[in-house]
Amino acid sequence: MADFHSWNISDFVVSVLFCYVAYRWVASRRLAPLPPGPKGLPVLGNSYQIPAHKQWLRFDEWIKEYGMLCPHPPGLSHRNRF
């Protein structure tokens, strides 16, 4: 069994470096590119950019600038049309 008191500084540095590289590798593989859209804050998102009244005007501006996120609303695919 390993005695953790016998670790020296190089063992610690190698362990930290390994954890950092592993974290960066996992983080880079799981993050898919985001669709185009307005930049938001980490916790608030875009809620501070949406006015209290007439929100649809802001959404319309975003649609004109970034395009529709979902061009075909769910349930209205070509198979479900009359």
Protein backbone atom coordinates (compact mmCIF):
# COMPACT_ATOMS: atom_id res chain seq x y z
CA MET A 1 0.00 0.00 0.00
CA ALA A 2 1.30 3.45 -0.86
CA ASP A 3 2.42 5.70 1.93
CA PHE A 4 1.18 9.19 1.08
CA HIS A 5 3.71 10.77 3.43
CA SER A 6 6.51 9.64 1.13
CA TRP A 7 5.28 11.72 -1.82
CA ASN A 8 7.58 14.52 -2.86
CA ILE A 9 6.87 17.72 -4.76
CA SER A 10 7.47 16.16 -8.20
CA ASP A 11 4.79 13.52 -7.53
CA PHE A 12 2.37 16.28 -6.57
CA VAL A 13 3.17 18.36 -9.67
CA VAL A 14 2.78 15.37 -11.99
CA SER A 15 -0.56 14.48 -10.37
CA VAL A 16 -1.90 18.03 -10.68
CA LEU A 17 -0.69 18.27 -14.28
CA PHE A 18 -2.35 14.96 -15.15
CA CYS A 19 -5.66 16.08 -13.60
CA TYR A 20 -5.51 19.39 -15.49
CA VAL A 21 -4.81 17.72 -18.84
CA ALA A 22 -7.54 15.12 -18.25
CA TYR A 23 -10.06 17.84 -17.32
CA ARG A 24 -9.22 19.90 -20.43
CA TRP A 25 -9.52 16.83 -22.65
CA VAL A 26 -12.91 15.83 -21.24
CA ALA A 27 -14.22 19.41 -21.35
CA SER A 28 -13.17 19.88 -24.97
CA ARG A 29 -14.83 16.65 -26.09
CA ARG A 30 -18.22 17.14 -24.46
CA LEU A 31 -18.85 20.75 -25.43
CA ALA A 32 -20.57 21.00 -28.78
CA PRO A 33 -20.48 24.30 -30.63
CA LEU A 34 -23.39 26.51 -29.69
CA PRO A 35 -25.80 27.85 -32.29
CA PRO A 36 -25.48 31.54 -33.18
CA GLY A 37 -27.18 33.90 -30.78
CA PRO A 38 -26.75 36.84 -28.45
CA LYS A 39 -24.05 36.60 -25.82
CA GLY A 40 -25.33 36.07 -22.29
CA LEU A 41 -23.96 36.16 -18.80
CA PRO A 42 -23.03 32.88 -17.05
CA VAL A 43 -25.93 32.76 -14.58
CA LEU A 44 -28.42 35.27 -15.99
CA GLY A 45 -28.17 34.21 -19.62
CA ASN A 46 -30.03 36.69 -21.78
CA SER A 47 -32.75 37.56 -19.28
CA TYR A 48 -31.31 41.04 -18.72
CA GLN A 49 -31.61 41.74 -22.47
CA ILE A 50 -35.34 40.98 -22.64
CA PRO A 51 -37.60 43.93 -21.81
CA ALA A 52 -40.46 43.59 -19.34
CA HIS A 53 -43.03 44.59 -21.98
CA LYS A 54 -43.29 43.66 -25.65
CA GLN A 55 -40.72 40.87 -25.45
CA TRP A 56 -41.65 39.69 -28.95
CA LEU A 57 -39.98 42.78 -30.42
CA ARG A 58 -36.62 41.69 -28.98
CA PHE A 59 -37.19 38.13 -30.15
CA ASP A 60 -38.01 39.44 -33.64
CA GLU A 61 -34.73 41.41 -33.67
CA TRP A 62 -32.81 38.29 -32.69
CA ILE A 63 -34.55 36.24 -35.40
CA LYS A 64 -33.59 38.83 -38.01
CA GLU A 65 -29.99 38.93 -36.77
CA TYR A 66 -29.32 35.26 -35.95
CA GLY A 67 -32.04 33.35 -37.78
CA MET A 68 -34.55 30.86 -36.44
CA LEU A 69 -33.18 28.38 -33.93
CA CYS A 70 -35.85 25.84 -34.87
CA PRO A 71 -37.02 26.42 -38.47
CA HIS A 72 -39.77 23.80 -38.19
CA PRO A 73 -41.73 23.90 -34.93
CA PRO A 74 -41.97 20.53 -33.18
CA GLY A 75 -44.94 18.49 -34.39
CA LEU A 76 -45.12 20.26 -37.74
CA SER A 77 -42.73 18.11 -39.75
CA HIS A 78 -43.50 17.25 -43.36
CA ARG A 79 -45.12 13.97 -42.21
CA ASN A 80 -47.63 15.66 -39.92
CA ARG A 81 -48.95 18.27 -42.32
CA PHE A 82 -52.48 17.94 -43.69
